[in-house]
Amino acid sequence: MRLDHIAYRVADRDKTASFLIQCFGYRIAEDLPDGFEIEFEDDTKAQCLVLLPPEKLGESNPWSHLQPTGAGMINYHLAPEIFVSQGTAGSIVEKWVNDRGGVGGIHHLAYQVESVADKMKEWQEKGFAEFTTLKPLTCPGLVQVFSKPSQLTGVIYEFIEREKHGFCQENVKDLMNSTKDI
């Protein structure tokens, strides 16, 4: 299991992205230089940016890097991607940000797992979490689910099963909708 991405909901996605770029060396995903927009059924929107870590993603295993050492090879996990969203007036994202003093913050931590369905079942059986949907959300090459805020940490956890890096806009919309009441 590895930390896949950190998702922020903020008042100003561009200022937040600039901070993360300048302070931590992140870069805006080349295939989404302007990010993307999610439109909800109530005509509100979320503007989203995907930031990649300073390390380059590999082709064979895009989430780790083999580093030769005097004692052999060490496998390092790359830093997580960062997802930043800002909402229009009245949106799910803006309401969440306003509930946190107008600043926002980390909305959830996403962990890459072998099987989202198996991890959901395990956490439910152990009483670790409830989830915002009954079943995982799917897009080609991507399976995801949110927990409700943990009673132990206050954190929303996402489990994600993926074939490659990147996000699916339809899943993002459905995941955001699943948190409307939490």
N, C-alpha and C. Protein backbone atom coordinates (compact mmCIF):
# COMPACT_ATOMS: atom_id res chain seq x y z
N MET A 1 0.87 -1.17 0.00
CA MET A 1 0.00 0.00 0.00
C MET A 1 0.91 1.23 0.00
N ARG A 2 0.52 2.23 -0.75
CA ARG A 2 1.29 3.47 -0.79
C ARG A 2 0.34 4.66 -0.81
N LEU A 3 0.83 5.79 -0.32
CA LEU A 3 0.05 7.02 -0.39
C LEU A 3 0.03 7.45 -1.84
N ASP A 4 -1.13 7.44 -2.45
CA ASP A 4 -1.30 7.71 -3.87
C ASP A 4 -1.40 9.21 -4.15
N HIS A 5 -2.31 9.88 -3.43
CA HIS A 5 -2.44 11.32 -3.60
C HIS A 5 -3.04 11.95 -2.36
N ILE A 6 -2.83 13.25 -2.26
CA ILE A 6 -3.41 14.08 -1.21
C ILE A 6 -4.34 15.06 -1.92
N ALA A 7 -5.57 15.17 -1.45
CA ALA A 7 -6.53 16.06 -2.09
C ALA A 7 -6.85 17.23 -1.17
N TYR A 8 -6.68 18.41 -1.71
CA TYR A 8 -6.99 19.65 -1.00
C TYR A 8 -8.25 20.26 -1.60
N ARG A 9 -9.11 20.80 -0.74
CA ARG A 9 -10.21 21.67 -1.17
C ARG A 9 -9.88 23.03 -0.60
N VAL A 10 -9.79 24.04 -1.48
CA VAL A 10 -9.27 25.34 -1.06
C VAL A 10 -10.07 26.49 -1.65
N ALA A 11 -9.82 27.68 -1.14
CA ALA A 11 -10.49 28.89 -1.63
C ALA A 11 -9.87 29.37 -2.94
N ASP A 12 -8.58 29.12 -3.17
CA ASP A 12 -7.91 29.60 -4.38
C ASP A 12 -6.93 28.53 -4.87
N ARG A 13 -7.35 27.75 -5.85
CA ARG A 13 -6.53 26.63 -6.32
C ARG A 13 -5.22 27.10 -6.94
N ASP A 14 -5.22 28.24 -7.63
CA ASP A 14 -4.00 28.71 -8.28
C ASP A 14 -2.95 29.14 -7.26
N LYS A 15 -3.36 29.85 -6.22
CA LYS A 15 -2.41 30.24 -5.17
C LYS A 15 -1.90 29.02 -4.42
N THR A 16 -2.78 28.07 -4.16
CA THR A 16 -2.37 26.84 -3.48
C THR A 16 -1.38 26.07 -4.34
N ALA A 17 -1.68 25.92 -5.63
CA ALA A 17 -0.78 25.22 -6.53
C ALA A 17 0.57 25.92 -6.60
N SER A 18 0.56 27.24 -6.68
CA SER A 18 1.81 28.00 -6.73
C SER A 18 2.65 27.74 -5.49
N PHE A 19 2.02 27.72 -4.32
CA PHE A 19 2.72 27.40 -3.08
C PHE A 19 3.36 26.02 -3.15
N LEU A 20 2.59 25.01 -3.56
CA LEU A 20 3.10 23.63 -3.61
C LEU A 20 4.22 23.48 -4.65
N ILE A 21 4.13 24.23 -5.73
CA ILE A 21 5.17 24.21 -6.76
C ILE A 21 6.45 24.86 -6.24
N GLN A 22 6.31 26.04 -5.65
CA GLN A 22 7.48 26.77 -5.18
C GLN A 22 8.15 26.13 -3.97
N CYS A 23 7.35 25.62 -3.05
CA CYS A 23 7.90 25.09 -1.80
C CYS A 23 8.33 23.63 -1.87
N PHE A 24 7.63 22.82 -2.68
CA PHE A 24 7.90 21.39 -2.68
C PHE A 24 8.33 20.84 -4.03
N GLY A 25 8.40 21.70 -5.04
CA GLY A 25 8.88 21.27 -6.35
C GLY A 25 7.88 20.52 -7.20
N TYR A 26 6.61 20.56 -6.82
CA TYR A 26 5.59 19.91 -7.64
C TYR A 26 5.46 20.63 -8.97
N ARG A 27 4.83 19.99 -9.93
CA ARG A 27 4.59 20.61 -11.24
C ARG A 27 3.18 20.24 -11.70
N ILE A 28 2.59 21.12 -12.49
CA ILE A 28 1.25 20.85 -13.02
C ILE A 28 1.36 19.75 -14.07
N ALA A 29 0.43 18.81 -14.05
CA ALA A 29 0.43 17.69 -15.00
C ALA A 29 0.42 18.25 -16.42
N GLU A 30 1.38 17.77 -17.23
CA GLU A 30 1.53 18.27 -18.60
C GLU A 30 0.30 18.02 -19.45
N ASP A 31 -0.39 16.91 -19.23
CA ASP A 31 -1.57 16.60 -20.04
C ASP A 31 -2.82 17.37 -19.61
N LEU A 32 -2.75 18.09 -18.48
CA LEU A 32 -3.86 18.92 -17.99
C LEU A 32 -3.32 20.27 -17.50
N PRO A 33 -2.67 21.05 -18.36
CA PRO A 33 -2.03 22.28 -17.90
C PRO A 33 -3.00 23.30 -17.29
N ASP A 34 -4.26 23.28 -17.71
CA ASP A 34 -5.26 24.18 -17.15
C ASP A 34 -6.18 23.48 -16.17
N GLY A 35 -5.87 22.22 -15.87
CA GLY A 35 -6.73 21.45 -15.00
C GLY A 35 -8.00 21.03 -15.72
N PHE A 36 -9.04 20.77 -14.97
CA PHE A 36 -10.33 20.43 -15.56
C PHE A 36 -11.44 20.89 -14.63
N GLU A 37 -12.63 20.91 -15.16
CA GLU A 37 -13.78 21.39 -14.41
C GLU A 37 -14.82 20.28 -14.29
N ILE A 38 -15.42 20.19 -13.12
CA ILE A 38 -16.51 19.26 -12.87
C ILE A 38 -17.78 20.10 -12.73
N GLU A 39 -18.82 19.75 -13.48
CA GLU A 39 -20.09 20.45 -13.35
C GLU A 39 -21.09 19.52 -12.66
N PHE A 40 -21.70 20.03 -11.60
CA PHE A 40 -22.66 19.25 -10.83
C PHE A 40 -24.08 19.50 -11.33
N GLU A 41 -24.99 18.65 -10.90
CA GLU A 41 -26.38 18.70 -11.33
C GLU A 41 -27.06 20.02 -10.98
N ASP A 42 -26.57 20.70 -9.92
CA ASP A 42 -27.18 21.97 -9.50
C ASP A 42 -26.51 23.16 -10.19
N ASP A 43 -25.74 22.91 -11.24
CA ASP A 43 -25.03 23.93 -12.04
C ASP A 43 -23.85 24.58 -11.33
N THR A 44 -23.48 24.08 -10.14
CA THR A 44 -22.25 24.56 -9.52
C THR A 44 -21.08 23.78 -10.13
N LYS A 45 -19.87 24.26 -9.85
CA LYS A 45 -18.70 23.64 -10.47
C LYS A 45 -17.55 23.53 -9.48
N ALA A 46 -16.61 22.67 -9.82
CA ALA A 46 -15.34 22.57 -9.12
C ALA A 46 -14.24 22.64 -10.17
N GLN A 47 -13.30 23.56 -9.97
CA GLN A 47 -12.14 23.64 -10.84
C GLN A 47 -11.02 22.87 -10.16
N CYS A 48 -10.40 21.97 -10.92
CA CYS A 48 -9.44 21.03 -10.35
C CYS A 48 -8.09 21.12 -11.04
N LEU A 49 -7.03 20.94 -10.28
CA LEU A 49 -5.67 20.87 -10.81
C LEU A 49 -5.02 19.59 -10.31
N VAL A 50 -4.21 18.98 -11.15
CA VAL A 50 -3.44 17.80 -10.77
C VAL A 50 -1.97 18.21 -10.77
N LEU A 51 -1.32 17.99 -9.63
CA LEU A 51 0.10 18.30 -9.50
C LEU A 51 0.88 17.00 -9.36
N LEU A 52 1.99 16.92 -10.08
CA LEU A 52 2.85 15.74 -10.04
C LEU A 52 4.07 16.02 -9.19
N PRO A 53 4.62 14.98 -8.55
CA PRO A 53 5.79 15.18 -7.71
C PRO A 53 7.01 15.55 -8.55
N PRO A 54 8.04 16.09 -7.91
CA PRO A 54 9.23 16.50 -8.65
C PRO A 54 9.95 15.33 -9.32
N GLU A 55 9.85 14.15 -8.74
CA GLU A 55 10.49 12.97 -9.33
C GLU A 55 9.73 12.57 -10.58
N LYS A 56 10.43 12.07 -11.56
CA LYS A 56 9.78 11.62 -12.80
C LYS A 56 9.17 10.24 -12.59
N LEU A 57 7.99 10.05 -13.14
CA LEU A 57 7.33 8.76 -13.07
C LEU A 57 7.94 7.83 -14.10
N GLY A 58 8.17 6.58 -13.72
CA GLY A 58 8.73 5.60 -14.64
C GLY A 58 7.65 4.94 -15.48
N GLU A 59 8.05 4.28 -16.55
CA GLU A 59 7.10 3.60 -17.43
C GLU A 59 6.71 2.23 -16.88
N SER A 60 7.68 1.45 -16.39
CA SER A 60 7.37 0.08 -15.97
C SER A 60 6.61 0.06 -14.65
N ASN A 61 7.02 0.86 -13.70
CA ASN A 61 6.32 0.99 -12.43
C ASN A 61 6.25 2.48 -12.11
N PRO A 62 5.17 3.13 -12.47
CA PRO A 62 5.14 4.58 -12.36
C PRO A 62 5.14 5.12 -10.94
N TRP A 63 5.06 4.28 -9.92
CA TRP A 63 4.97 4.80 -8.56
C TRP A 63 6.19 4.54 -7.72
N SER A 64 7.23 3.95 -8.30
CA SER A 64 8.42 3.71 -7.50
C SER A 64 9.66 3.92 -8.36
N HIS A 65 10.80 3.98 -7.70
CA HIS A 65 12.06 4.25 -8.36
C HIS A 65 13.12 3.34 -7.75
N LEU A 66 13.82 2.59 -8.59
CA LEU A 66 14.91 1.76 -8.10
C LEU A 66 16.18 2.59 -8.09
N GLN A 67 16.84 2.64 -6.94
CA GLN A 67 18.05 3.43 -6.78
C GLN A 67 19.20 2.48 -6.44
N PRO A 68 20.25 2.44 -7.29
CA PRO A 68 21.39 1.59 -6.96
C PRO A 68 22.16 2.14 -5.77
N THR A 69 22.60 1.24 -4.92
CA THR A 69 23.44 1.60 -3.77
C THR A 69 24.61 0.63 -3.73
N GLY A 70 25.56 0.86 -2.86
CA GLY A 70 26.69 -0.05 -2.70
C GLY A 70 26.25 -1.45 -2.29
N ALA A 71 25.10 -1.55 -1.63
CA ALA A 71 24.61 -2.84 -1.13
C ALA A 71 23.54 -3.44 -2.03
N GLY A 72 23.32 -2.90 -3.20
CA GLY A 72 22.28 -3.41 -4.09
C GLY A 72 21.33 -2.31 -4.51
N MET A 73 20.09 -2.68 -4.71
CA MET A 73 19.08 -1.72 -5.16
C MET A 73 18.07 -1.46 -4.04
N ILE A 74 17.65 -0.22 -3.92
CA ILE A 74 16.60 0.16 -2.98
C ILE A 74 15.43 0.68 -3.79
N ASN A 75 14.23 0.24 -3.44
CA ASN A 75 13.02 0.68 -4.12
C ASN A 75 12.36 1.78 -3.30
N TYR A 76 12.33 3.00 -3.85
CA TYR A 76 11.70 4.14 -3.19
C TYR A 76 10.34 4.39 -3.82
N HIS A 77 9.36 4.69 -3.00
CA HIS A 77 8.07 5.14 -3.52
C HIS A 77 8.20 6.62 -3.82
N LEU A 78 7.62 7.04 -4.93
CA LEU A 78 7.62 8.45 -5.27
C LEU A 78 6.63 9.19 -4.37
N ALA A 79 6.86 10.48 -4.25
CA ALA A 79 5.92 11.32 -3.50
C ALA A 79 4.54 11.22 -4.16
N PRO A 80 3.48 11.43 -3.40
CA PRO A 80 2.14 11.32 -3.97
C PRO A 80 1.82 12.47 -4.91
N GLU A 81 0.88 12.21 -5.81
CA GLU A 81 0.32 13.29 -6.61
C GLU A 81 -0.50 14.17 -5.67
N ILE A 82 -0.80 15.38 -6.11
CA ILE A 82 -1.66 16.28 -5.33
C ILE A 82 -2.81 16.72 -6.22
N PHE A 83 -3.99 16.70 -5.65
CA PHE A 83 -5.21 17.11 -6.35
C PHE A 83 -5.74 18.32 -5.61
N VAL A 84 -5.94 19.43 -6.33
CA VAL A 84 -6.40 20.67 -5.70
C VAL A 84 -7.72 21.08 -6.37
N SER A 85 -8.75 21.33 -5.55
CA SER A 85 -10.02 21.77 -6.11
C SER A 85 -10.51 23.03 -5.42
N GLN A 86 -11.18 23.86 -6.21
CA GLN A 86 -11.81 25.10 -5.76
C GLN A 86 -13.21 25.09 -6.33
N GLY A 87 -14.19 25.47 -5.53
CA GLY A 87 -15.57 25.42 -5.99
C GLY A 87 -16.19 26.77 -6.25
N THR A 88 -17.18 26.78 -7.12
CA THR A 88 -17.96 27.99 -7.35
C THR A 88 -18.95 28.18 -6.20
N ALA A 89 -19.57 29.33 -6.16
CA ALA A 89 -20.52 29.65 -5.08
C ALA A 89 -21.59 28.58 -4.94
N GLY A 90 -21.77 28.10 -3.71
CA GLY A 90 -22.80 27.11 -3.42
C GLY A 90 -22.43 25.67 -3.73
N SER A 91 -21.23 25.44 -4.24
CA SER A 91 -20.83 24.07 -4.61
C SER A 91 -20.45 23.25 -3.38
N ILE A 92 -20.38 21.95 -3.58
CA ILE A 92 -19.94 21.02 -2.54
C ILE A 92 -18.58 21.46 -2.01
N VAL A 93 -17.68 21.81 -2.92
CA VAL A 93 -16.32 22.18 -2.53
C VAL A 93 -16.33 23.49 -1.75
N GLU A 94 -17.04 24.51 -2.25
CA GLU A 94 -17.06 25.79 -1.55
C GLU A 94 -17.68 25.66 -0.15
N LYS A 95 -18.73 24.87 -0.03
CA LYS A 95 -19.36 24.67 1.29
C LYS A 95 -18.37 24.02 2.26
N TRP A 96 -17.62 23.02 1.78
CA TRP A 96 -16.63 22.34 2.62
C TRP A 96 -15.56 23.33 3.07
N VAL A 97 -15.07 24.16 2.13
CA VAL A 97 -14.05 25.17 2.45
C VAL A 97 -14.60 26.16 3.47
N ASN A 98 -15.81 26.65 3.25
CA ASN A 98 -16.41 27.63 4.17
C ASN A 98 -16.61 27.06 5.57
N ASP A 99 -16.92 25.75 5.65
CA ASP A 99 -17.07 25.10 6.95
C ASP A 99 -15.75 25.05 7.72
N ARG A 100 -14.65 25.31 7.03
CA ARG A 100 -13.32 25.30 7.64
C ARG A 100 -12.70 26.70 7.62
N GLY A 101 -13.54 27.68 7.91
CA GLY A 101 -13.06 29.05 8.05
C GLY A 101 -12.70 29.75 6.76
N GLY A 102 -13.16 29.22 5.62
CA GLY A 102 -12.87 29.85 4.34
C GLY A 102 -11.50 29.55 3.78
N VAL A 103 -10.75 28.71 4.47
CA VAL A 103 -9.41 28.34 4.02
C VAL A 103 -9.42 26.97 3.34
N GLY A 104 -10.16 26.04 3.92
CA GLY A 104 -10.17 24.67 3.40
C GLY A 104 -9.04 23.87 4.02
N GLY A 105 -8.49 22.96 3.25
CA GLY A 105 -7.41 22.13 3.75
C GLY A 105 -7.41 20.78 3.07
N ILE A 106 -6.76 19.83 3.73
CA ILE A 106 -6.71 18.48 3.18
C ILE A 106 -8.10 17.86 3.31
N HIS A 107 -8.66 17.45 2.20
CA HIS A 107 -9.97 16.81 2.21
C HIS A 107 -9.84 15.31 2.47
N HIS A 108 -8.87 14.67 1.79
CA HIS A 108 -8.69 13.24 2.02
C HIS A 108 -7.29 12.79 1.65
N LEU A 109 -6.92 11.62 2.18
CA LEU A 109 -5.69 10.93 1.82
C LEU A 109 -6.08 9.68 1.06
N ALA A 110 -5.46 9.48 -0.09
CA ALA A 110 -5.80 8.33 -0.93
C ALA A 110 -4.67 7.31 -0.88
N TYR A 111 -5.03 6.07 -0.59
CA TYR A 111 -4.06 4.98 -0.55
C TYR A 111 -4.33 4.00 -1.68
N GLN A 112 -3.28 3.69 -2.40
CA GLN A 112 -3.37 2.71 -3.49
C GLN A 112 -3.37 1.32 -2.87
N VAL A 113 -4.34 0.51 -3.25
CA VAL A 113 -4.48 -0.85 -2.72
C VAL A 113 -4.62 -1.84 -3.87
N GLU A 114 -4.42 -3.11 -3.57
CA GLU A 114 -4.57 -4.16 -4.58
C GLU A 114 -6.02 -4.32 -5.02
N SER A 115 -6.94 -4.25 -4.06
CA SER A 115 -8.36 -4.41 -4.36
C SER A 115 -9.18 -3.49 -3.47
N VAL A 116 -9.86 -2.52 -4.06
CA VAL A 116 -10.70 -1.61 -3.30
C VAL A 116 -11.83 -2.38 -2.61
N ALA A 117 -12.46 -3.29 -3.32
CA ALA A 117 -13.58 -4.06 -2.75
C ALA A 117 -13.12 -4.88 -1.54
N ASP A 118 -11.96 -5.51 -1.65
CA ASP A 118 -11.44 -6.30 -0.52
C ASP A 118 -11.11 -5.41 0.67
N LYS A 119 -10.51 -4.25 0.40
CA LYS A 119 -10.14 -3.33 1.49
C LYS A 119 -11.40 -2.77 2.16
N MET A 120 -12.43 -2.47 1.38
CA MET A 120 -13.70 -2.01 1.96
C MET A 120 -14.26 -3.08 2.90
N LYS A 121 -14.29 -4.31 2.42
CA LYS A 121 -14.84 -5.42 3.22
C LYS A 121 -14.04 -5.58 4.51
N GLU A 122 -12.73 -5.55 4.41
CA GLU A 122 -11.87 -5.69 5.59
C GLU A 122 -12.16 -4.58 6.61
N TRP A 123 -12.21 -3.34 6.16
CA TRP A 123 -12.43 -2.22 7.08
C TRP A 123 -13.83 -2.28 7.69
N GLN A 124 -14.82 -2.70 6.91
CA GLN A 124 -16.17 -2.82 7.46
C GLN A 124 -16.23 -3.93 8.50
N GLU A 125 -15.61 -5.07 8.21
CA GLU A 125 -15.62 -6.19 9.16
C GLU A 125 -14.90 -5.83 10.47
N LYS A 126 -13.85 -5.04 10.38
CA LYS A 126 -13.08 -4.65 11.56
C LYS A 126 -13.66 -3.42 12.26
N GLY A 127 -14.70 -2.82 11.67
CA GLY A 127 -15.32 -1.65 12.26
C GLY A 127 -14.48 -0.38 12.12
N PHE A 128 -13.57 -0.35 11.17
CA PHE A 128 -12.70 0.81 10.98
C PHE A 128 -13.40 1.97 10.30
N ALA A 129 -14.37 1.69 9.42
CA ALA A 129 -14.95 2.79 8.66
C ALA A 129 -16.29 2.42 8.04
N GLU A 130 -17.04 3.47 7.78
CA GLU A 130 -18.20 3.40 6.90
C GLU A 130 -17.77 4.09 5.61
N PHE A 131 -18.45 3.79 4.52
CA PHE A 131 -18.07 4.37 3.24
C PHE A 131 -19.20 5.22 2.69
N THR A 132 -18.85 6.14 1.80
CA THR A 132 -19.83 7.07 1.27
C THR A 132 -20.66 6.47 0.14
N THR A 133 -20.25 5.33 -0.38
CA THR A 133 -21.02 4.60 -1.39
C THR A 133 -21.03 3.12 -0.99
N LEU A 134 -22.03 2.39 -1.46
CA LEU A 134 -22.12 0.97 -1.13
C LEU A 134 -21.10 0.13 -1.88
N LYS A 135 -20.75 0.58 -3.09
CA LYS A 135 -19.79 -0.14 -3.93
C LYS A 135 -18.74 0.84 -4.43
N PRO A 136 -17.58 0.33 -4.82
CA PRO A 136 -16.56 1.20 -5.40
C PRO A 136 -17.04 1.83 -6.70
N LEU A 137 -16.50 3.00 -7.01
CA LEU A 137 -16.77 3.70 -8.27
C LEU A 137 -15.70 3.28 -9.27
N THR A 138 -16.10 3.08 -10.53
CA THR A 138 -15.15 2.58 -11.51
C THR A 138 -15.13 3.42 -12.78
N CYS A 139 -13.96 3.50 -13.35
CA CYS A 139 -13.69 4.04 -14.69
C CYS A 139 -12.67 3.06 -15.28
N PRO A 140 -12.45 3.07 -16.58
CA PRO A 140 -11.44 2.16 -17.14
C PRO A 140 -10.08 2.33 -16.45
N GLY A 141 -9.58 1.25 -15.88
CA GLY A 141 -8.28 1.25 -15.22
C GLY A 141 -8.23 1.92 -13.87
N LEU A 142 -9.42 2.23 -13.29
CA LEU A 142 -9.45 2.97 -12.03
C LEU A 142 -10.66 2.56 -11.21
N VAL A 143 -10.44 2.25 -9.93
CA VAL A 143 -11.50 1.90 -8.98
C VAL A 143 -11.24 2.71 -7.72
N GLN A 144 -12.30 3.36 -7.17
CA GLN A 144 -12.12 4.25 -6.02
C GLN A 144 -13.32 4.20 -5.08
N VAL A 145 -13.06 4.56 -3.80
CA VAL A 145 -14.13 4.73 -2.83
C VAL A 145 -13.62 5.66 -1.73
N PHE A 146 -14.53 6.44 -1.12
CA PHE A 146 -14.23 7.28 0.04
C PHE A 146 -14.79 6.63 1.29
N SER A 147 -14.06 6.76 2.39
CA SER A 147 -14.63 6.46 3.69
C SER A 147 -15.31 7.72 4.19
N LYS A 148 -16.18 7.56 5.15
CA LYS A 148 -16.67 8.72 5.90
C LYS A 148 -15.52 9.12 6.83
N PRO A 149 -15.54 10.34 7.40
CA PRO A 149 -14.43 10.71 8.29
C PRO A 149 -14.24 9.67 9.40
N SER A 150 -13.00 9.28 9.59
CA SER A 150 -12.67 8.27 10.60
C SER A 150 -13.00 8.76 12.00
N GLN A 151 -13.58 7.90 12.81
CA GLN A 151 -13.88 8.23 14.21
C GLN A 151 -12.59 8.33 15.02
N LEU A 152 -11.49 7.77 14.51
CA LEU A 152 -10.21 7.80 15.23
C LEU A 152 -9.32 8.95 14.81
N THR A 153 -9.36 9.33 13.54
CA THR A 153 -8.43 10.35 13.03
C THR A 153 -9.12 11.58 12.48
N GLY A 154 -10.42 11.50 12.20
CA GLY A 154 -11.13 12.60 11.56
C GLY A 154 -10.87 12.71 10.07
N VAL A 155 -10.07 11.83 9.52
CA VAL A 155 -9.65 11.88 8.12
C VAL A 155 -10.60 11.07 7.24
N ILE A 156 -10.87 11.59 6.05
CA ILE A 156 -11.54 10.82 5.01
C ILE A 156 -10.44 10.06 4.28
N TYR A 157 -10.61 8.75 4.14
CA TYR A 157 -9.63 7.94 3.40
C TYR A 157 -10.25 7.52 2.08
N GLU A 158 -9.44 7.52 1.07
CA GLU A 158 -9.83 6.99 -0.23
C GLU A 158 -8.98 5.77 -0.48
N PHE A 159 -9.61 4.73 -0.97
CA PHE A 159 -8.87 3.58 -1.49
C PHE A 159 -8.95 3.66 -3.00
N ILE A 160 -7.82 3.45 -3.64
CA ILE A 160 -7.75 3.57 -5.09
C ILE A 160 -6.96 2.40 -5.65
N GLU A 161 -7.50 1.82 -6.69
CA GLU A 161 -6.88 0.71 -7.41
C GLU A 161 -6.71 1.21 -8.83
N ARG A 162 -5.46 1.23 -9.31
CA ARG A 162 -5.23 1.86 -10.61
C ARG A 162 -4.23 1.09 -11.45
N GLU A 163 -4.36 1.30 -12.76
CA GLU A 163 -3.40 0.73 -13.71
C GLU A 163 -2.32 1.73 -14.08
N LYS A 164 -2.63 3.04 -14.00
CA LYS A 164 -1.65 4.09 -14.29
C LYS A 164 -2.02 5.33 -13.50
N HIS A 165 -1.15 6.34 -13.52
CA HIS A 165 -1.46 7.57 -12.78
C HIS A 165 -2.51 8.38 -13.54
N GLY A 166 -3.07 9.35 -12.84
CA GLY A 166 -4.09 10.20 -13.44
C GLY A 166 -5.43 10.05 -12.74
N PHE A 167 -6.39 10.86 -13.17
CA PHE A 167 -7.71 10.89 -12.55
C PHE A 167 -8.77 10.72 -13.62
N CYS A 168 -9.94 10.28 -13.22
CA CYS A 168 -11.10 10.12 -14.10
C CYS A 168 -12.14 11.15 -13.66
N GLN A 169 -12.47 12.08 -14.54
CA GLN A 169 -13.37 13.17 -14.17
C GLN A 169 -14.73 12.67 -13.68
N GLU A 170 -15.25 11.61 -14.28
CA GLU A 170 -16.57 11.10 -13.85
C GLU A 170 -16.49 10.55 -12.43
N ASN A 171 -15.40 9.82 -12.10
CA ASN A 171 -15.24 9.33 -10.74
C ASN A 171 -15.07 10.48 -9.76
N VAL A 172 -14.30 11.51 -10.16
CA VAL A 172 -14.10 12.67 -9.29
C VAL A 172 -15.45 13.29 -8.94
N LYS A 173 -16.28 13.47 -9.94
CA LYS A 173 -17.62 14.04 -9.71
C LYS A 173 -18.42 13.16 -8.76
N ASP A 174 -18.43 11.85 -9.01
CA ASP A 174 -19.21 10.95 -8.16
C ASP A 174 -18.65 10.90 -6.73
N LEU A 175 -17.32 10.94 -6.60
CA LEU A 175 -16.72 10.95 -5.26
C LEU A 175 -17.09 12.24 -4.53
N MET A 176 -17.00 13.38 -5.23
CA MET A 176 -17.38 14.65 -4.59
C MET A 176 -18.84 14.62 -4.19
N ASN A 177 -19.71 14.13 -5.05
CA ASN A 177 -21.14 14.04 -4.70
C ASN A 177 -21.36 13.14 -3.48
N SER A 178 -20.55 12.11 -3.35
CA SER A 178 -20.73 11.17 -2.23
C SER A 178 -20.40 11.81 -0.88
N THR A 179 -19.72 12.96 -0.89
CA THR A 179 -19.36 13.63 0.36
C THR A 179 -20.25 14.83 0.66
N LYS A 180 -21.28 15.01 -0.12
CA LYS A 180 -22.15 16.19 -0.01
C LYS A 180 -22.67 16.38 1.42
N ASP A 181 -22.98 15.30 2.10
CA ASP A 181 -23.61 15.41 3.42
C ASP A 181 -22.67 15.12 4.59
N ILE A 182 -21.37 15.10 4.32
CA ILE A 182 -20.44 14.85 5.45
C ILE A 182 -19.49 16.01 5.64
